[in-house]
PDB file of N, CA and C in Angstrom:
ATOM      1  N   MET A   1      -3.303   0.922 -12.984  1.00  0.00           N
ATOM      2  CA  MET A   1      -3.695  -0.234 -11.904  1.00  0.00           C
ATOM      3  C   MET A   1      -2.812  -1.606 -12.357  1.00  0.00           C
ATOM      4  N   ARG A   2      -2.229  -1.596 -10.886  1.00  0.00           N
ATOM      5  CA  ARG A   2      -1.336  -3.136 -10.819  1.00  0.00           C
ATOM      6  C   ARG A   2      -2.285  -4.472 -10.421  1.00  0.00           C
ATOM      7  N   PHE A   3      -2.352  -5.285 -11.229  1.00  0.00           N
ATOM      8  CA  PHE A   3      -3.075  -6.792 -10.926  1.00  0.00           C
ATOM      9  C   PHE A   3      -2.375  -8.015 -10.833  1.00  0.00           C
ATOM     10  N   TYR A   4      -2.727  -8.334  -9.593  1.00  0.00           N
ATOM     11  CA  TYR A   4      -1.681  -9.671  -9.118  1.00  0.00           C
ATOM     12  C   TYR A   4      -2.233 -10.991  -9.854  1.00  0.00           C
ATOM     13  N   GLN A   5      -1.647 -11.904 -10.136  1.00  0.00           N
ATOM     14  CA  GLN A   5      -2.285 -13.326 -10.562  1.00  0.00           C
ATOM     15  C   GLN A   5      -3.122 -14.066  -9.266  1.00  0.00           C
ATOM     16  N   SER A   6      -2.436 -13.523  -8.029  1.00  0.00           N
ATOM     17  CA  SER A   6      -3.024 -14.202  -6.891  1.00  0.00           C
ATOM     18  C   SER A   6      -2.272 -13.716  -5.576  1.00  0.00           C
ATOM     19  N   THR A   7      -3.440 -13.466  -4.724  1.00  0.00           N
ATOM     20  CA  THR A   7      -3.198 -12.989  -3.484  1.00  0.00           C
ATOM     21  C   THR A   7      -2.827 -13.615  -2.329  1.00  0.00           C
ATOM     22  N   ILE A   8      -2.902 -15.085  -2.651  1.00  0.00           N
ATOM     23  CA  ILE A   8      -2.640 -16.091  -1.808  1.00  0.00           C
ATOM     24  C   ILE A   8      -1.457 -15.807  -1.128  1.00  0.00           C
ATOM     25  N   GLY A   9      -1.395 -15.912   0.058  1.00  0.00           N
ATOM     26  CA  GLY A   9       0.348 -15.895   0.964  1.00  0.00           C
ATOM     27  C   GLY A   9       1.070 -14.569   1.099  1.00  0.00           C
ATOM     28  N   ILE A  10      -0.047 -13.149   0.576  1.00  0.00           N
ATOM     29  CA  ILE A  10       0.777 -12.101   0.743  1.00  0.00           C
ATOM     30  C   ILE A  10       0.198 -11.373   1.908  1.00  0.00           C
ATOM     31  N   PHE A  11      -0.134 -12.064   3.029  1.00  0.00           N
ATOM     32  CA  PHE A  11      -0.291 -11.641   4.505  1.00  0.00           C
ATOM     33  C   PHE A  11       0.002 -12.573   5.100  1.00  0.00           C
ATOM     34  N   ILE A  12       1.104 -12.657   5.918  1.00  0.00           N
ATOM     35  CA  ILE A  12       1.958 -13.179   6.977  1.00  0.00           C
ATOM     36  C   ILE A  12       2.019 -12.972   8.031  1.00  0.00           C
ATOM     37  N   MET A  13       1.393 -13.525   9.641  1.00  0.00           N
ATOM     38  CA  MET A  13       1.421 -13.044  10.373  1.00  0.00           C
ATOM     39  C   MET A  13       2.333 -13.819  11.578  1.00  0.00           C
ATOM     40  N   LYS A  14       3.268 -13.470  12.514  1.00  0.00           N
ATOM     41  CA  LYS A  14       3.693 -14.106  13.281  1.00  0.00           C
ATOM     42  C   LYS A  14       3.098 -13.976  14.565  1.00  0.00           C
ATOM     43  N   LEU A  15       3.029 -14.975  15.589  1.00  0.00           N
ATOM     44  CA  LEU A  15       2.339 -15.023  16.727  1.00  0.00           C
ATOM     45  C   LEU A  15       3.022 -15.449  17.925  1.00  0.00           C
ATOM     46  N   PRO A  16       2.886 -15.113  18.655  1.00  0.00           N
ATOM     47  CA  PRO A  16       3.792 -15.558  19.874  1.00  0.00           C
ATOM     48  C   PRO A  16       3.693 -16.959  20.323  1.00  0.00           C
ATOM     49  N   GLY A  17       5.094 -17.118  20.366  1.00  0.00           N
ATOM     50  CA  GLY A  17       5.285 -18.861  20.121  1.00  0.00           C
ATOM     51  C   GLY A  17       5.454 -19.607  19.058  1.00  0.00           C
ATOM     52  N   GLY A  18       5.956 -18.701  18.510  1.00  0.00           N
ATOM     53  CA  GLY A  18       6.733 -19.322  16.814  1.00  0.00           C
ATOM     54  C   GLY A  18       5.613 -19.459  15.616  1.00  0.00           C
ATOM     55  N   VAL A  19       4.199 -19.582  16.042  1.00  0.00           N
ATOM     56  CA  VAL A  19       3.175 -19.816  15.028  1.00  0.00           C
ATOM     57  C   VAL A  19       3.086 -18.678  13.936  1.00  0.00           C
ATOM     58  N   THR A  20       2.559 -19.619  12.953  1.00  0.00           N
ATOM     59  CA  THR A  20       3.013 -18.184  11.795  1.00  0.00           C
ATOM     60  C   THR A  20       1.232 -18.627  11.027  1.00  0.00           C
ATOM     61  N   CYS A  21       0.632 -17.137  10.631  1.00  0.00           N
ATOM     62  CA  CYS A  21      -0.384 -17.438  10.279  1.00  0.00           C
ATOM     63  C   CYS A  21      -0.378 -16.848   8.765  1.00  0.00           C
ATOM     64  N   ARG A  22      -0.898 -17.369   7.537  1.00  0.00           N
ATOM     65  CA  ARG A  22      -1.229 -16.803   6.511  1.00  0.00           C
ATOM     66  C   ARG A  22      -2.515 -16.909   5.660  1.00  0.00           C
ATOM     67  N   ASN A  23      -2.607 -15.951   4.912  1.00  0.00           N
ATOM     68  CA  ASN A  23      -3.977 -16.307   4.113  1.00  0.00           C
ATOM     69  C   ASN A  23      -3.966 -17.208   3.021  1.00  0.00           C
ATOM     70  N   THR A  24      -4.725 -18.182   2.944  1.00  0.00           N
ATOM     71  CA  THR A  24      -4.897 -19.392   2.129  1.00  0.00           C
ATOM     72  C   THR A  24      -5.853 -19.351   0.855  1.00  0.00           C
ATOM     73  N   GLN A  25      -6.342 -18.267   1.294  1.00  0.00           N
ATOM     74  CA  GLN A  25      -7.489 -18.015   0.198  1.00  0.00           C
ATOM     75  C   GLN A  25      -7.248 -16.719  -0.332  1.00  0.00           C
ATOM     76  N   PRO A  26      -7.795 -16.141  -1.903  1.00  0.00           N
ATOM     77  CA  PRO A  26      -7.730 -15.171  -2.527  1.00  0.00           C
ATOM     78  C   PRO A  26      -7.989 -13.856  -1.917  1.00  0.00           C
ATOM     79  N   VAL A  27      -7.379 -12.692  -1.885  1.00  0.00           N
ATOM     80  CA  VAL A  27      -8.191 -11.460  -1.200  1.00  0.00           C
ATOM     81  C   VAL A  27      -9.029 -10.891  -2.308  1.00  0.00           C
ATOM     82  N   ALA A  28     -10.082 -10.884  -2.026  1.00  0.00           N
ATOM     83  CA  ALA A  28     -11.119  -9.874  -3.336  1.00  0.00           C
ATOM     84  C   ALA A  28     -10.908  -8.820  -3.290  1.00  0.00           C
ATOM     85  N   ASP A  29     -10.743  -7.976  -4.307  1.00  0.00           N
ATOM     86  CA  ASP A  29     -10.519  -6.648  -4.835  1.00  0.00           C
ATOM     87  C   ASP A  29      -9.545  -6.112  -3.800  1.00  0.00           C
ATOM     88  N   PHE A  30      -8.147  -6.479  -4.084  1.00  0.00           N
ATOM     89  CA  PHE A  30      -7.194  -6.231  -2.998  1.00  0.00           C
ATOM     90  C   PHE A  30      -6.517  -5.394  -4.213  1.00  0.00           C
ATOM     91  N   SER A  31      -6.390  -4.177  -3.909  1.00  0.00           N
ATOM     92  CA  SER A  31      -5.639  -2.885  -4.668  1.00  0.00           C
ATOM     93  C   SER A  31      -4.532  -2.259  -3.878  1.00  0.00           C
ATOM     94  N   GLU A  32      -3.870  -1.306  -4.321  1.00  0.00           N
ATOM     95  CA  GLU A  32      -3.086  -0.432  -3.929  1.00  0.00           C
ATOM     96  C   GLU A  32      -2.374   0.700  -4.700  1.00  0.00           C
ATOM     97  N   CYS A  33      -1.992   1.785  -4.396  1.00  0.00           N
ATOM     98  CA  CYS A  33      -1.919   3.178  -5.234  1.00  0.00           C
ATOM     99  C   CYS A  33      -0.681   3.105  -5.819  1.00  0.00           C
ATOM    100  N   ARG A  34      -0.966   3.299  -7.216  1.00  0.00           N
ATOM    101  CA  ARG A  34       0.371   3.394  -7.927  1.00  0.00           C
ATOM    102  C   ARG A  34       0.352   4.514  -9.032  1.00  0.00           C
ATOM    103  N   GLY A  35       1.695   4.811  -9.520  1.00  0.00           N
ATOM    104  CA  GLY A  35       1.540   5.803 -10.838  1.00  0.00           C
ATOM    105  C   GLY A  35       2.469   6.894 -11.123  1.00  0.00           C
ATOM    106  N   TYR A  36       2.095   7.883 -11.033  1.00  0.00           N
ATOM    107  CA  TYR A  36       3.103   9.034 -11.615  1.00  0.00           C
ATOM    108  C   TYR A  36       2.442  10.266 -10.653  1.00  0.00           C
ATOM    109  N   CYS A  37       3.801  10.907 -10.008  1.00  0.00           N
ATOM    110  CA  CYS A  37       3.488  12.309  -9.574  1.00  0.00           C
ATOM    111  C   CYS A  37       4.459  13.351  -9.687  1.00  0.00           C
ATOM    112  N   PRO A  38       4.389  14.084  -9.423  1.00  0.00           N
ATOM    113  CA  PRO A  38       5.356  15.271 -10.110  1.00  0.00           C
ATOM    114  C   PRO A  38       6.425  15.665  -9.267  1.00  0.00           C
ATOM    115  N   SER A  39       7.632  15.047  -9.508  1.00  0.00           N
ATOM    116  CA  SER A  39       8.644  15.478  -8.476  1.00  0.00           C
ATOM    117  C   SER A  39       9.658  16.254  -9.277  1.00  0.00           C
ATOM    118  N   ARG A  40      10.702  17.288  -8.672  1.00  0.00           N
ATOM    119  CA  ARG A  40      11.757  17.758  -9.287  1.00  0.00           C
ATOM    120  C   ARG A  40      12.778  18.726  -8.304  1.00  0.00           C
ATOM    121  N   ASP A  41      13.703  18.672  -8.667  1.00  0.00           N
ATOM    122  CA  ASP A  41      14.781  19.523  -8.178  1.00  0.00           C
ATOM    123  C   ASP A  41      15.253  20.422  -9.055  1.00  0.00           C
ATOM    124  N   THR A  42      15.065  21.809  -8.584  1.00  0.00           N
ATOM    125  CA  THR A  42      15.296  22.824  -9.747  1.00  0.00           C
ATOM    126  C   THR A  42      16.006  23.807  -8.884  1.00  0.00           C
ATOM    127  N   PHE A  43      16.977  24.512  -9.559  1.00  0.00           N
ATOM    128  CA  PHE A  43      17.711  25.888  -8.828  1.00  0.00           C
ATOM    129  C   PHE A  43      16.819  27.046  -8.742  1.00  0.00           C
ATOM    130  N   ASN A  44      17.119  27.749  -6.901  1.00  0.00           N
ATOM    131  CA  ASN A  44      16.234  28.747  -6.911  1.00  0.00           C
ATOM    132  C   ASN A  44      17.561  29.733  -6.823  1.00  0.00           C
ATOM    133  N   THR A  45      17.507  30.773  -7.760  1.00  0.00           N
ATOM    134  CA  THR A  45      18.477  32.038  -7.772  1.00  0.00           C
ATOM    135  C   THR A  45      18.122  32.741  -6.523  1.00  0.00           C
ATOM    136  N   ILE A  46      17.005  32.737  -5.963  1.00  0.00           N
ATOM    137  CA  ILE A  46      17.325  33.783  -4.852  1.00  0.00           C
ATOM    138  C   ILE A  46      17.661  33.183  -3.868  1.00  0.00           C
ATOM    139  N   VAL A  47      18.214  31.690  -3.590  1.00  0.00           N
ATOM    140  CA  VAL A  47      18.619  31.609  -2.355  1.00  0.00           C
ATOM    141  C   VAL A  47      20.026  30.617  -3.239  1.00  0.00           C
ATOM    142  N   ASN A  48      20.235  30.724  -4.116  1.00  0.00           N
ATOM    143  CA  ASN A  48      21.557  30.024  -4.934  1.00  0.00           C
ATOM    144  C   ASN A  48      21.820  28.824  -4.609  1.00  0.00           C
ATOM    145  N   ASP A  49      20.302  27.788  -4.494  1.00  0.00           N
ATOM    146  CA  ASP A  49      20.674  26.312  -4.141  1.00  0.00           C
ATOM    147  C   ASP A  49      19.797  25.690  -4.714  1.00  0.00           C
ATOM    148  N   PHE A  50      19.585  24.613  -5.271  1.00  0.00           N
ATOM    149  CA  PHE A  50      18.404  23.449  -5.655  1.00  0.00           C
ATOM    150  C   PHE A  50      17.301  23.956  -4.471  1.00  0.00           C
ATOM    151  N   GLU A  51      16.174  23.445  -5.118  1.00  0.00           N
ATOM    152  CA  GLU A  51      15.067  22.644  -3.523  1.00  0.00           C
ATOM    153  C   GLU A  51      14.716  21.685  -4.631  1.00  0.00           C
ATOM    154  N   SER A  52      14.253  21.024  -3.838  1.00  0.00           N
ATOM    155  CA  SER A  52      13.390  19.496  -4.147  1.00  0.00           C
ATOM    156  C   SER A  52      12.021  20.047  -3.872  1.00  0.00           C
ATOM    157  N   THR A  53      11.073  19.506  -4.805  1.00  0.00           N
ATOM    158  CA  THR A  53       9.749  19.053  -4.750  1.00  0.00           C
ATOM    159  C   THR A  53       9.164  17.831  -4.750  1.00  0.00           C
ATOM    160  N   CYS A  54       8.995  17.134  -4.042  1.00  0.00           N
ATOM    161  CA  CYS A  54       8.655  15.489  -4.096  1.00  0.00           C
ATOM    162  C   CYS A  54       7.074  15.565  -4.175  1.00  0.00           C
ATOM    163  N   LYS A  55       6.521  14.474  -4.839  1.00  0.00           N
ATOM    164  CA  LYS A  55       4.963  14.514  -4.457  1.00  0.00           C
ATOM    165  C   LYS A  55       5.170  12.751  -4.669  1.00  0.00           C
ATOM    166  N   CYS A  56       4.677  12.170  -3.902  1.00  0.00           N
ATOM    167  CA  CYS A  56       4.518  10.774  -3.762  1.00  0.00           C
ATOM    168  C   CYS A  56       2.926  10.129  -3.645  1.00  0.00           C
ATOM    169  N   CYS A  57       2.733   9.097  -3.985  1.00  0.00           N
ATOM    170  CA  CYS A  57       1.611   8.503  -3.965  1.00  0.00           C
ATOM    171  C   CYS A  57       1.277   8.088  -2.465  1.00  0.00           C
ATOM    172  N   ALA A  58       0.155   8.093  -1.844  1.00  0.00           N
ATOM    173  CA  ALA A  58      -0.599   7.887  -0.784  1.00  0.00           C
ATOM    174  C   ALA A  58      -2.065   7.303  -0.717  1.00  0.00           C
ATOM    175  N   SER A  59      -2.717   6.713  -0.195  1.00  0.00           N
ATOM    176  CA  SER A  59      -3.714   6.480  -0.031  1.00  0.00           C
ATOM    177  C   SER A  59      -4.246   7.373   0.522  1.00  0.00           C
ATOM    178  N   LYS A  60      -5.525   8.055  -0.011  1.00  0.00           N
ATOM    179  CA  LYS A  60      -6.385   9.435   0.404  1.00  0.00           C
ATOM    180  C   LYS A  60      -7.403   8.800   1.364  1.00  0.00           C
ATOM    181  N   VAL A  61      -8.157   7.598   1.004  1.00  0.00           N
ATOM    182  CA  VAL A  61      -9.216   7.395   2.128  1.00  0.00           C
ATOM    183  C   VAL A  61      -8.902   6.005   1.990  1.00  0.00           C
ATOM    184  N   THR A  62      -9.257   4.908   3.076  1.00  0.00           N
ATOM    185  CA  THR A  62      -9.358   3.412   3.278  1.00  0.00           C
ATOM    186  C   THR A  62     -10.240   3.218   3.837  1.00  0.00           C
ATOM    187  N   ARG A  63     -10.249   1.854   3.626  1.00  0.00           N
ATOM    188  CA  ARG A  63     -11.257   1.237   4.678  1.00  0.00           C
ATOM    189  C   ARG A  63     -10.943  -0.163   5.323  1.00  0.00           C
ATOM    190  N   ASP A  64     -11.336  -0.464   6.060  1.00  0.00           N
ATOM    191  CA  ASP A  64     -10.874  -1.826   6.922  1.00  0.00           C
ATOM    192  C   ASP A  64     -11.445  -2.864   6.453  1.00  0.00           C
ATOM    193  N   VAL A  65     -10.402  -3.731   5.878  1.00  0.00           N
ATOM    194  CA  VAL A  65     -10.825  -5.412   5.599  1.00  0.00           C
ATOM    195  C   VAL A  65     -10.441  -6.230   6.240  1.00  0.00           C
ATOM    196  N   GLN A  66     -11.337  -6.893   6.922  1.00  0.00           N
ATOM    197  CA  GLN A  66     -10.903  -8.290   7.435  1.00  0.00           C
ATOM    198  C   GLN A  66     -10.826  -9.677   6.630  1.00  0.00           C
ATOM    199  N   ILE A  67      -9.951 -10.249   7.007  1.00  0.00           N
ATOM    200  CA  ILE A  67      -9.817 -11.467   6.078  1.00  0.00           C
ATOM    201  C   ILE A  67      -9.415 -12.647   7.118  1.00  0.00           C
ATOM    202  N   GLN A  68      -9.794 -13.819   7.091  1.00  0.00           N
ATOM    203  CA  GLN A  68      -9.238 -15.011   7.740  1.00  0.00           C
ATOM    204  C   GLN A  68      -7.962 -15.582   7.422  1.00  0.00           C
ATOM    205  N   LEU A  69      -6.894 -15.634   8.200  1.00  0.00           N
ATOM    206  CA  LEU A  69      -5.678 -16.426   8.236  1.00  0.00           C
ATOM    207  C   LEU A  69      -5.653 -17.737   8.959  1.00  0.00           C
ATOM    208  N   SER A  70      -5.392 -18.785   7.896  1.00  0.00           N
ATOM    209  CA  SER A  70      -4.833 -19.824   8.748  1.00  0.00           C
ATOM    210  C   SER A  70      -3.181 -19.997   9.020  1.00  0.00           C
ATOM    211  N   CYS A  71      -3.674 -20.708  10.475  1.00  0.00           N
ATOM    212  CA  CYS A  71      -1.936 -21.049  11.166  1.00  0.00           C
ATOM    213  C   CYS A  71      -1.501 -22.196  10.855  1.00  0.00           C
ATOM    214  N   ASP A  72      -0.024 -22.327  11.171  1.00  0.00           N
ATOM    215  CA  ASP A  72       0.622 -23.485  11.207  1.00  0.00           C
ATOM    216  C   ASP A  72       0.203 -24.795  12.380  1.00  0.00           C
ATOM    217  N   ASN A  73      -0.412 -23.924  13.405  1.00  0.00           N
ATOM    218  CA  ASN A  73      -0.847 -25.006  14.580  1.00  0.00           C
ATOM    219  C   ASN A  73      -2.121 -24.906  14.216  1.00  0.00           C
ATOM    220  N   GLY A  74      -2.789 -24.995  13.106  1.00  0.00           N
ATOM    221  CA  GLY A  74      -4.110 -25.700  12.982  1.00  0.00           C
ATOM    222  C   GLY A  74      -5.530 -24.859  13.011  1.00  0.00           C
ATOM    223  N   THR A  75      -5.138 -23.279  13.865  1.00  0.00           N
ATOM    224  CA  THR A  75      -6.365 -22.614  13.920  1.00  0.00           C
ATOM    225  C   THR A  75      -6.352 -21.484  13.214  1.00  0.00           C
ATOM    226  N   PRO A  76      -7.653 -20.924  12.823  1.00  0.00           N
ATOM    227  CA  PRO A  76      -7.627 -19.604  12.220  1.00  0.00           C
ATOM    228  C   PRO A  76      -7.513 -18.546  12.863  1.00  0.00           C
ATOM    229  N   THR A  77      -7.148 -17.299  12.239  1.00  0.00           N
ATOM    230  CA  THR A  77      -7.040 -16.020  13.157  1.00  0.00           C
ATOM    231  C   THR A  77      -7.582 -15.027  12.488  1.00  0.00           C
ATOM    232  N   MET A  78      -8.036 -13.995  12.454  1.00  0.00           N
ATOM    233  CA  MET A  78      -8.913 -12.612  11.960  1.00  0.00           C
ATOM    234  C   MET A  78      -7.684 -11.687  11.887  1.00  0.00           C
ATOM    235  N   HIS A  79      -7.330 -10.884  10.608  1.00  0.00           N
ATOM    236  CA  HIS A  79      -6.451 -10.024  10.721  1.00  0.00           C
ATOM    237  C   HIS A  79      -6.877  -8.725   9.375  1.00  0.00           C
ATOM    238  N   THR A  80      -7.020  -8.115  10.092  1.00  0.00           N
ATOM    239  CA  THR A  80      -7.755  -6.363   9.673  1.00  0.00           C
ATOM    240  C   THR A  80      -6.496  -5.495   8.684  1.00  0.00           C
ATOM    241  N   PHE A  81      -6.596  -5.198   7.479  1.00  0.00           N
ATOM    242  CA  PHE A  81      -6.049  -4.721   6.949  1.00  0.00           C
ATOM    243  C   PHE A  81      -6.532  -3.091   6.305  1.00  0.00           C
ATOM    244  N   ARG A  82      -5.975  -2.103   6.099  1.00  0.00           N
ATOM    245  CA  ARG A  82      -6.342  -0.927   5.508  1.00  0.00           C
ATOM    246  C   ARG A  82      -6.300  -1.090   3.918  1.00  0.00           C
ATOM    247  N   GLN A  83      -7.702  -1.026   3.300  1.00  0.00           N
ATOM    248  CA  GLN A  83      -7.639  -1.215   1.658  1.00  0.00           C
ATOM    249  C   GLN A  83      -7.891   0.215   1.366  1.00  0.00           C
ATOM    250  N   PRO A  84      -6.910   0.764   0.144  1.00  0.00           N
ATOM    251  CA  PRO A  84      -6.987   1.747  -0.066  1.00  0.00           C
ATOM    252  C   PRO A  84      -8.391   2.191  -0.817  1.00  0.00           C
ATOM    253  N   VAL A  85      -9.121   3.365  -1.144  1.00  0.00           N
ATOM    254  CA  VAL A  85     -10.408   3.548  -1.910  1.00  0.00           C
ATOM    255  C   VAL A  85     -10.010   4.215  -2.792  1.00  0.00           C
ATOM    256  N   SER A  86      -9.087   5.172  -2.263  1.00  0.00           N
ATOM    257  CA  SER A  86      -8.940   6.394  -3.527  1.00  0.00           C
ATOM    258  C   SER A  86      -7.704   6.635  -3.272  1.00  0.00           C
ATOM    259  N   CYS A  87      -6.768   7.327  -3.926  1.00  0.00           N
ATOM    260  CA  CYS A  87      -5.590   7.756  -3.731  1.00  0.00           C
ATOM    261  C   CYS A  87      -5.014   9.381  -4.049  1.00  0.00           C
ATOM    262  N   GLU A  88      -3.964   9.989  -3.836  1.00  0.00           N
ATOM    263  CA  GLU A  88      -3.489  11.098  -4.513  1.00  0.00           C
ATOM    264  C   GLU A  88      -2.164  11.445  -4.114  1.00  0.00           C
ATOM    265  N   CYS A  89      -1.664  12.485  -4.877  1.00  0.00           N
ATOM    266  CA  CYS A  89      -0.208  12.661  -4.452  1.00  0.00           C
ATOM    267  C   CYS A  89      -0.329  13.532  -3.379  1.00  0.00           C
ATOM    268  N   LYS A  90       0.806  13.103  -2.455  1.00  0.00           N
ATOM    269  CA  LYS A  90       0.845  13.957  -1.473  1.00  0.00           C
ATOM    270  C   LYS A  90       2.441  14.348  -1.332  1.00  0.00           C
ATOM    271  N   THR A  91       2.578  15.340  -0.258  1.00  0.00           N
ATOM    272  CA  THR A  91       4.200  15.562  -0.493  1.00  0.00           C
ATOM    273  C   THR A  91       4.805  14.375   0.177  1.00  0.00           C
ATOM    274  N   CYS A  92       6.080  14.229  -0.262  1.00  0.00           N
ATOM    275  CA  CYS A  92       6.748  12.883   0.141  1.00  0.00           C
ATOM    276  C   CYS A  92       7.330  13.129   1.564  1.00  0.00           C
ATOM    277  N   ASN A  93       7.407  11.640   2.185  1.00  0.00           N
ATOM    278  CA  ASN A  93       7.973  11.607   3.854  1.00  0.00           C
ATOM    279  C   ASN A  93       8.134  10.242   3.667  1.00  0.00           C
ATOM    280  N   LEU A  94       9.685  10.285   3.466  1.00  0.00           N
ATOM    281  CA  LEU A  94      10.543   8.714   3.094  1.00  0.00           C
ATOM    282  C   LEU A  94      10.376   7.844   4.318  1.00  0.00           C
ATOM    283  N   GLU A  95       9.852   8.406   5.747  1.00  0.00           N
ATOM    284  CA  GLU A  95       9.589   7.614   6.711  1.00  0.00           C
ATOM    285  C   GLU A  95       8.174   7.111   6.667  1.00  0.00           C
ATOM    286  N   SER A  96       7.549   7.589   5.809  1.00  0.00           N
ATOM    287  CA  SER A  96       6.063   7.163   5.826  1.00  0.00           C
ATOM    288  C   SER A  96       6.074   5.406   4.937  1.00  0.00           C
ATOM    289  N   LYS A  97       5.283   4.693   5.508  1.00  0.00           N
ATOM    290  CA  LYS A  97       4.858   3.476   5.086  1.00  0.00           C
ATOM    291  C   LYS A  97       3.708   3.321   3.484  1.00  0.00           C
ATOM    292  N   ASP A  98       3.378   4.716   3.621  1.00  0.00           N
ATOM    293  CA  ASP A  98       2.415   4.914   2.736  1.00  0.00           C
ATOM    294  C   ASP A  98       3.319   5.578   1.395  1.00  0.00           C
ATOM    295  N   ALA A  99       4.244   5.893   1.390  1.00  0.00           N
ATOM    296  CA  ALA A  99       5.123   6.247   0.401  1.00  0.00           C
ATOM    297  C   ALA A  99       5.179   5.936  -1.213  1.00  0.00           C
ATOM    298  N   GLY A 100       4.935   6.255  -2.357  1.00  0.00           N
ATOM    299  CA  GLY A 100       4.973   5.792  -3.458  1.00  0.00           C
ATOM    300  C   GLY A 100       4.753   6.467  -4.739  1.00  0.00           C
ATOM    301  N   TRP A 101       3.980   5.888  -5.293  1.00  0.00           N
ATOM    302  CA  TRP A 101       3.532   6.935  -6.619  1.00  0.00           C
ATOM    303  C   TRP A 101       2.408   6.949  -7.300  1.00  0.00           C
ATOM    304  N   GLU A 102       1.429   7.866  -7.247  1.00  0.00           N
ATOM    305  CA  GLU A 102       0.062   7.678  -8.055  1.00  0.00           C
ATOM    306  C   GLU A 102       0.029   9.023  -8.613  1.00  0.00           C
ATOM    307  N   VAL A 103      -1.036   8.951  -9.506  1.00  0.00           N
ATOM    308  CA  VAL A 103      -1.677   9.745 -10.355  1.00  0.00           C
ATOM    309  C   VAL A 103      -2.959  10.487  -9.375  1.00  0.00           C
ATOM    310  N   PRO A 104      -3.208  11.797  -9.565  1.00  0.00           N
ATOM    311  CA  PRO A 104      -4.126  12.211  -8.513  1.00  0.00           C
ATOM    312  C   PRO A 104      -5.348  11.995  -8.971  1.00  0.00           C
ATOM    313  N   GLY A 105      -5.884  11.736  -7.872  1.00  0.00           N
ATOM    314  CA  GLY A 105      -7.727  11.182  -8.650  1.00  0.00           C
ATOM    315  C   GLY A 105      -7.878  10.143  -9.054  1.00  0.00           C
ATOM    316  N   ALA A 106      -6.659   9.208  -9.000  1.00  0.00           N
ATOM    317  CA  ALA A 106      -6.825   8.137  -9.591  1.00  0.00           C
ATOM    318  C   ALA A 106      -7.420   7.052  -8.720  1.00  0.00           C
ATOM    319  N   VAL A 107      -8.188   5.773  -9.269  1.00  0.00           N
ATOM    320  CA  VAL A 107      -8.420   4.916  -8.608  1.00  0.00           C
ATOM    321  C   VAL A 107      -7.566   3.942  -8.065  1.00  0.00           C
ATOM    322  N   PRO A 108      -7.728   3.284  -6.809  1.00  0.00           N
ATOM    323  CA  PRO A 108      -6.591   2.088  -6.473  1.00  0.00           C
ATOM    324  C   PRO A 108      -6.557   1.161  -7.468  1.00  0.00           C
ATOM    325  N   GLU A 109      -5.817   0.292  -7.385  1.00  0.00           N
ATOM    326  CA  GLU A 109      -5.384  -0.768  -8.402  1.00  0.00           C
ATOM    327  C   GLU A 109      -5.784  -1.820  -7.749  1.00  0.00           C
ATOM    328  N   LYS A 110      -6.626  -2.927  -8.490  1.00  0.00           N
ATOM    329  CA  LYS A 110      -7.224  -4.078  -8.125  1.00  0.00           C
ATOM    330  C   LYS A 110      -6.262  -4.743  -8.255  1.00  0.00           C
ATOM    331  N   LYS A 111      -6.134  -5.943  -7.486  1.00  0.00           N
ATOM    332  CA  LYS A 111      -5.038  -6.965  -7.356  1.00  0.00           C
ATOM    333  C   LYS A 111      -5.943  -8.253  -7.781  1.00  0.00           C
ATOM    334  N   ARG A 112      -5.897  -8.998  -8.608  1.00  0.00           N
ATOM    335  CA  ARG A 112      -6.378 -10.197  -9.081  1.00  0.00           C
ATOM    336  C   ARG A 112      -6.518 -10.996  -7.921  1.00  0.00           C
ATOM    337  N   LYS A 113      -7.488 -12.067  -7.827  1.00  0.00           N
ATOM    338  CA  LYS A 113      -7.988 -13.335  -6.826  1.00  0.00           C
ATOM    339  C   LYS A 113      -6.860 -14.291  -6.853  1.00  0.00           C
TER     340      LYS A 113
END
């Protein structure tokens, strides 16, 4: 589990007209998936070349969490993000924003408020 001293200001959103909004309160139970997944690059004598097997961390199950952001024009706005509930090793997808590392079946990391 990776914990953070503060989650204040981790969500920043730009609205039309140059308005910037951010969370000014801690995000309760904020977590992310991290850990180790098996990866290797081994020589295959049948094809006479190396073959890669890459497993990366990804959220297995998520839930939507809604938080309030404070905007620099004084108005509040709501923002919804996907919170990991469980994590697993999946085949790596370098173009995925969910790529990372995790232990299979691990509980998501909770970040400190």
